[in-house]
Amino acid sequence: MSKVKKGVYDFLRGSFLTDESAFKNWRIIIFVVILLLVMISSAHRADKKVITISELNKKKRELRAEYVDTGTILMRMKMESNIRAKAKERGLKPSLTPPKKIKVTIKQ
């Protein structure tokens, strides 16, 4: 058997985990497994944050739409014609005489 075939065969059999230098190999394998676990957990946390951000963006759009609707209703309520109609319902009418300016003078 050639050296390359023997190396591949030994790798597939797992002899690199059972021979005399196995301790070195186990340390590397454990280190790689720990790195993989850290990577997987950080990916899950990132996915969770992306989902939270999308939910908050959706809520923000809904609140923005509600804000615009409320602003529109308020502007309609503030219109002079609307105020006149509501005042007329209550029996109020505009004054026929214009308002007068009051001047205050302070004497010392």
Protein backbone atom coordinates (compact mmCIF):
# COMPACT_ATOMS: atom_id res chain seq x y z
CA MET A 1 0.00 0.00 0.00
CA SER A 2 1.30 3.46 -0.80
CA LYS A 3 1.95 5.99 1.93
CA VAL A 4 -0.99 8.19 0.88
CA LYS A 5 -3.45 5.29 0.78
CA LYS A 6 -2.22 4.06 4.16
CA GLY A 7 -2.66 7.56 5.64
CA VAL A 8 -6.21 7.85 4.29
CA TYR A 9 -7.04 4.35 5.51
CA ASP A 10 -5.67 5.12 8.99
CA PHE A 11 -7.67 8.36 9.07
CA LEU A 12 -10.90 6.60 8.09
CA ARG A 13 -10.34 3.90 10.71
CA GLY A 14 -9.75 6.56 13.36
CA SER A 15 -6.32 5.32 14.36
CA PHE A 16 -5.18 8.93 14.78
CA LEU A 17 -7.33 8.96 17.94
CA THR A 18 -5.91 5.77 19.43
CA ASP A 19 -2.17 5.82 18.72
CA GLU A 20 0.57 7.22 20.98
CA SER A 21 0.15 10.87 19.90
CA ALA A 22 -3.62 10.78 20.42
CA PHE A 23 -3.56 13.26 23.32
CA LYS A 24 -2.35 16.01 20.99
CA ASN A 25 -5.05 15.16 18.49
CA TRP A 26 -7.80 15.09 21.13
CA ARG A 27 -6.83 18.56 22.36
CA ILE A 28 -7.14 19.96 18.85
CA ILE A 29 -10.45 18.18 18.26
CA ILE A 30 -11.90 19.44 21.54
CA PHE A 31 -10.70 22.97 20.72
CA VAL A 32 -12.36 22.82 17.28
CA VAL A 33 -15.60 21.47 18.79
CA ILE A 34 -15.67 24.31 21.34
CA LEU A 35 -15.11 26.84 18.56
CA LEU A 36 -17.94 25.29 16.56
CA LEU A 37 -20.28 25.48 19.57
CA VAL A 38 -19.41 29.14 20.10
CA MET A 39 -20.00 29.85 16.42
CA ILE A 40 -23.37 28.09 16.41
CA SER A 41 -24.55 29.89 19.56
CA SER A 42 -23.50 33.28 18.21
CA ALA A 43 -25.33 32.55 14.95
CA HIS A 44 -28.48 31.69 16.91
CA ARG A 45 -28.21 34.90 18.92
CA ALA A 46 -27.74 36.90 15.73
CA ASP A 47 -30.83 35.27 14.19
CA LYS A 48 -32.83 36.07 17.31
CA LYS A 49 -31.73 39.71 17.12
CA VAL A 50 -32.68 39.91 13.43
CA ILE A 51 -36.16 38.57 14.24
CA THR A 52 -36.53 41.08 17.08
CA ILE A 53 -35.44 43.93 14.81
CA SER A 54 -37.95 42.95 12.13
CA GLU A 55 -40.76 42.78 14.72
CA LEU A 56 -39.81 46.21 16.05
CA ASN A 57 -39.71 47.64 12.53
CA LYS A 58 -43.19 46.28 11.87
CA LYS A 59 -44.49 47.80 15.11
CA LYS A 60 -42.77 51.10 14.22
CA ARG A 61 -44.54 51.21 10.84
CA GLU A 62 -47.89 50.53 12.52
CA LEU A 63 -47.33 53.28 15.10
CA ARG A 64 -46.21 55.69 12.36
CA ALA A 65 -49.41 55.00 10.41
CA GLU A 66 -51.48 55.55 13.57
CA TYR A 67 -49.60 58.83 14.21
CA VAL A 68 -50.34 60.08 10.69
CA ASP A 69 -54.02 59.11 10.98
CA THR A 70 -54.34 60.84 14.35
CA GLY A 71 -52.62 63.94 12.97
CA THR A 72 -55.05 64.03 10.04
CA ILE A 73 -58.05 63.75 12.37
CA LEU A 74 -56.65 66.52 14.56
CA MET A 75 -56.10 68.82 11.58
CA ARG A 76 -59.70 68.26 10.47
CA MET A 77 -60.94 69.06 13.98
CA LYS A 78 -58.91 72.30 14.02
CA MET A 79 -60.34 73.61 10.73
CA GLU A 80 -62.32 76.83 11.16
CA SER A 81 -65.33 75.50 9.27
CA ASN A 82 -65.51 72.48 11.56
CA ILE A 83 -65.20 74.67 14.67
CA ARG A 84 -67.93 77.01 13.36
CA ALA A 85 -70.27 74.07 12.75
CA LYS A 86 -69.74 72.71 16.27
CA ALA A 87 -70.19 76.17 17.79
CA LYS A 88 -73.41 76.60 15.80
CA GLU A 89 -74.70 73.29 17.22
CA ARG A 90 -74.20 74.69 20.72
CA GLY A 91 -75.99 77.91 19.89
CA LEU A 92 -72.90 80.12 19.55
CA LYS A 93 -72.43 82.49 16.64
CA PRO A 94 -69.61 84.76 15.53
CA SER A 95 -69.49 88.27 16.95
CA LEU A 96 -70.72 91.05 14.69
CA THR A 97 -68.39 93.66 16.20
CA PRO A 98 -64.68 93.19 15.71
CA PRO A 99 -62.48 92.77 18.78
CA LYS A 100 -60.82 95.86 20.30
CA LYS A 101 -57.22 96.12 21.28
CA ILE A 102 -56.55 96.93 24.94
CA LYS A 103 -53.48 98.99 25.74
CA VAL A 104 -52.06 98.92 29.24
CA THR A 105 -49.91 101.82 30.37
CA ILE A 106 -47.96 101.70 33.58
CA LYS A 107 -47.49 104.98 35.43
CA GLN A 108 -44.55 105.35 37.74
